[in-house]
Amino acid sequence: KELKKIQNVYKEQSILMIGYNRRYSNLIKKLREKLLTISSPKAFIYTCNAGELAPNHWLNDVSVGGGRLIGEACHFVDLLRFLANSPIIEMNINEIKDLKKTAENFSINIRFENNSIGTIHYFSNGHKGYPKERIEVFTEGKIFQLDNFRSLKTWGVSGFKRNKNIFYQDKGQLNCIKSFIHAIRNG
């Protein structure tokens, strides 16, 4: 029913914001810009150290939050699809089976049309002191590493200067909203 309502609004308004904000992060834009210059397939590893939720958290309610796969990991699938710049042709999920209603520890394997591959490790059973998100990309003897949306480092990439956000973490929320407002104003 909710999807039908969204479809109807989209038909009337011709604009819709999903909220996949990470693709609007300045460091992701720099990473994607570099990756678009490389035609070889890429191997992506996205690790999320999500932390444990209280059993009664709204995200764990299947009818409200849909679980962490639907409510959170969808952002990571979108981001790898954006970075790969290619449609997804295959995806499978392996999860730790436990007594919880929804999976909180799982890995998603993705194969893209351009022969790139990606793995998303989503874990709630890690330590709080470890960074929450890390993306690594391997291709053509090069490695790119985005650490917690604060720094982007490379190995084997000539002329690339390390990028750092010292004072804040940029997951793209502000740029996502600005882009949506721009689309509303300018069609």
Protein backbone atom coordinates (compact mmCIF):
# COMPACT_ATOMS: atom_id res chain seq x y z
CA LYS A 1 0.00 0.00 0.00
CA GLU A 2 2.81 2.41 0.87
CA LEU A 3 4.61 1.73 -2.41
CA LYS A 4 1.39 2.47 -4.35
CA LYS A 5 1.09 5.81 -2.51
CA ILE A 6 4.70 6.66 -3.38
CA GLN A 7 4.11 5.73 -7.03
CA ASN A 8 1.04 7.94 -7.18
CA VAL A 9 2.85 10.92 -5.66
CA TYR A 10 5.73 10.42 -8.10
CA LYS A 11 3.32 10.34 -11.06
CA GLU A 12 1.80 13.64 -9.88
CA GLN A 13 5.02 15.41 -8.84
CA SER A 14 7.66 13.79 -11.12
CA ILE A 15 10.22 14.10 -8.35
CA LEU A 16 11.13 11.79 -5.51
CA MET A 17 13.94 11.76 -2.95
CA ILE A 18 14.98 8.35 -1.66
CA GLY A 19 17.61 9.63 0.77
CA TYR A 20 20.60 7.54 -0.25
CA ASN A 21 22.87 10.29 1.01
CA ARG A 22 26.29 8.63 0.97
CA ARG A 23 26.71 9.10 -2.78
CA TYR A 24 26.61 12.87 -2.11
CA SER A 25 29.59 12.81 0.27
CA ASN A 26 32.49 14.93 -0.99
CA LEU A 27 34.96 12.09 -0.43
CA ILE A 28 32.71 9.65 -2.32
CA LYS A 29 32.51 12.14 -5.21
CA LYS A 30 36.34 12.26 -5.32
CA LEU A 31 36.56 8.47 -5.14
CA ARG A 32 34.00 7.99 -7.91
CA GLU A 33 35.75 10.55 -10.09
CA LYS A 34 38.97 8.51 -9.86
CA LEU A 35 37.18 5.18 -10.37
CA LEU A 36 35.47 6.42 -13.54
CA THR A 37 38.92 6.85 -15.13
CA ILE A 38 39.63 3.12 -14.65
CA SER A 39 37.94 0.77 -17.08
CA SER A 40 38.97 -2.47 -15.35
CA PRO A 41 36.60 -4.28 -13.00
CA LYS A 42 36.76 -3.29 -9.36
CA ALA A 43 36.54 -5.31 -6.14
CA PHE A 44 34.73 -3.48 -3.33
CA ILE A 45 34.77 -4.33 0.37
CA TYR A 46 32.36 -2.31 2.51
CA THR A 47 32.57 -2.98 6.24
CA CYS A 48 29.98 -1.59 8.63
CA ASN A 49 30.59 -1.96 12.36
CA ALA A 50 27.02 -0.99 13.21
CA GLY A 51 26.83 -1.78 16.90
CA GLU A 52 24.08 -3.66 18.66
CA LEU A 53 20.54 -2.32 18.95
CA ALA A 54 18.18 -2.77 21.86
CA PRO A 55 15.73 -5.62 21.13
CA ASN A 56 12.78 -3.19 21.12
CA HIS A 57 14.44 -0.66 18.76
CA TRP A 58 12.08 0.46 15.95
CA LEU A 59 14.52 -0.79 13.29
CA ASN A 60 14.13 -4.34 14.63
CA ASP A 61 10.35 -4.17 14.12
CA VAL A 62 9.81 -5.88 10.77
CA SER A 63 6.63 -3.91 10.02
CA VAL A 64 8.14 -0.51 10.91
CA GLY A 65 11.91 -0.54 10.31
CA GLY A 66 12.16 -3.71 8.25
CA GLY A 67 15.34 -4.83 9.97
CA ARG A 68 18.87 -3.65 9.35
CA LEU A 69 19.11 -5.16 5.88
CA ILE A 70 16.16 -3.16 4.55
CA GLY A 71 16.50 -0.14 6.84
CA GLU A 72 20.26 0.45 6.72
CA ALA A 73 22.25 -1.88 4.46
CA CYS A 74 20.23 -0.71 1.45
CA HIS A 75 22.32 2.50 1.65
CA PHE A 76 25.49 0.48 1.21
CA VAL A 77 24.12 -1.51 -1.72
CA ASP A 78 23.17 1.78 -3.39
CA LEU A 79 26.62 3.23 -2.75
CA LEU A 80 28.48 0.27 -4.25
CA ARG A 81 26.14 0.37 -7.26
CA PHE A 82 26.97 4.09 -7.61
CA LEU A 83 30.73 3.53 -7.31
CA ALA A 84 30.71 0.54 -9.69
CA ASN A 85 28.73 2.63 -12.19
CA SER A 86 27.04 -0.55 -13.36
CA PRO A 87 23.76 -2.39 -12.79
CA ILE A 88 23.63 -5.24 -10.28
CA ILE A 89 23.10 -8.62 -11.93
CA GLU A 90 23.40 -10.92 -8.93
CA MET A 91 23.22 -10.58 -5.18
CA ASN A 92 23.19 -13.05 -2.30
CA ILE A 93 23.14 -12.71 1.46
CA ASN A 94 24.65 -14.84 4.19
CA GLU A 95 23.63 -14.12 7.77
CA ILE A 96 24.45 -15.32 11.24
CA LYS A 97 21.36 -17.14 12.40
CA ASP A 98 20.36 -16.31 15.97
CA LEU A 99 17.20 -15.77 17.99
CA LYS A 100 16.63 -12.18 16.85
CA LYS A 101 13.66 -11.29 14.66
CA THR A 102 15.80 -9.63 12.01
CA ALA A 103 19.39 -10.21 10.90
CA GLU A 104 22.01 -7.94 12.45
CA ASN A 105 25.15 -9.73 11.21
CA PHE A 106 25.35 -10.53 7.52
CA SER A 107 27.42 -10.32 4.36
CA ILE A 108 26.04 -9.34 0.98
CA ASN A 109 27.85 -10.44 -2.18
CA ILE A 110 27.16 -8.46 -5.32
CA ARG A 111 28.11 -9.00 -8.96
CA PHE A 112 27.81 -6.08 -11.37
CA GLU A 113 27.21 -6.11 -15.10
CA ASN A 114 30.68 -4.63 -15.77
CA ASN A 115 32.29 -7.64 -14.03
CA SER A 116 33.02 -5.74 -10.81
CA ILE A 117 32.23 -7.43 -7.51
CA GLY A 118 31.39 -6.15 -4.06
CA THR A 119 30.99 -7.48 -0.56
CA ILE A 120 29.19 -5.67 2.22
CA HIS A 121 29.95 -6.89 5.73
CA TYR A 122 27.33 -5.59 8.12
CA PHE A 123 28.08 -6.49 11.72
CA SER A 124 26.51 -5.50 15.03
CA ASN A 125 28.80 -7.72 17.09
CA GLY A 126 31.99 -5.63 16.88
CA HIS A 127 33.67 -3.22 19.27
CA LYS A 128 32.53 0.43 19.60
CA GLY A 129 36.12 1.68 19.37
CA TYR A 130 36.48 0.46 15.78
CA PRO A 131 35.34 2.86 13.02
CA LYS A 132 31.75 2.42 11.87
CA GLU A 133 32.27 2.36 8.09
CA ARG A 134 35.17 1.54 5.79
CA ILE A 135 35.19 1.10 2.02
CA GLU A 136 38.12 -0.44 0.16
CA VAL A 137 38.42 -0.66 -3.62
CA PHE A 138 40.99 -2.84 -5.40
CA THR A 139 41.67 -2.41 -9.13
CA GLU A 140 44.60 -2.28 -11.59
CA GLY A 141 47.25 -2.48 -8.85
CA LYS A 142 45.60 0.38 -6.99
CA ILE A 143 43.84 0.50 -3.64
CA PHE A 144 41.47 3.20 -2.41
CA GLN A 145 40.38 3.31 1.22
CA LEU A 146 37.62 5.51 2.59
CA ASP A 147 37.76 5.48 6.38
CA ASN A 148 34.55 6.39 8.23
CA PHE A 149 33.74 9.21 5.76
CA ARG A 150 36.63 11.20 7.26
CA SER A 151 39.60 10.30 5.07
CA LEU A 152 40.37 8.88 1.65
CA LYS A 153 43.77 7.25 1.12
CA THR A 154 45.24 5.48 -1.87
CA TRP A 155 48.07 3.12 -2.71
CA GLY A 156 49.48 2.91 -6.25
CA VAL A 157 47.70 6.05 -7.45
CA SER A 158 50.19 8.64 -8.65
CA GLY A 159 49.51 12.30 -7.96
CA PHE A 160 46.70 11.59 -5.49
CA LYS A 161 46.83 13.61 -2.30
CA ARG A 162 45.23 12.13 0.80
CA ASN A 163 41.91 13.80 1.55
CA LYS A 164 40.78 14.35 5.12
CA ASN A 165 37.80 15.82 6.93
CA ILE A 166 39.41 16.62 10.26
CA PHE A 167 36.47 18.25 12.03
CA TYR A 168 33.46 16.30 10.81
CA GLN A 169 32.21 13.16 9.17
CA ASP A 170 30.64 13.81 5.75
CA LYS A 171 28.08 11.14 4.86
CA GLY A 172 26.51 13.45 2.27
CA GLN A 173 23.29 14.39 4.09
CA LEU A 174 23.63 18.14 3.49
CA ASN A 175 24.59 17.75 -0.19
CA CYS A 176 21.73 15.27 -0.68
CA ILE A 177 19.21 17.81 0.63
CA LYS A 178 20.77 20.63 -1.41
CA SER A 179 20.55 18.50 -4.53
CA PHE A 180 16.87 17.74 -3.88
CA ILE A 181 16.04 21.42 -3.32
CA HIS A 182 17.96 22.28 -6.50
CA ALA A 183 15.90 19.67 -8.41
CA ILE A 184 12.66 21.11 -7.05
CA ARG A 185 13.61 24.67 -7.98
CA ASN A 186 15.04 23.83 -11.40
CA GLY A 187 12.99 20.86 -12.51
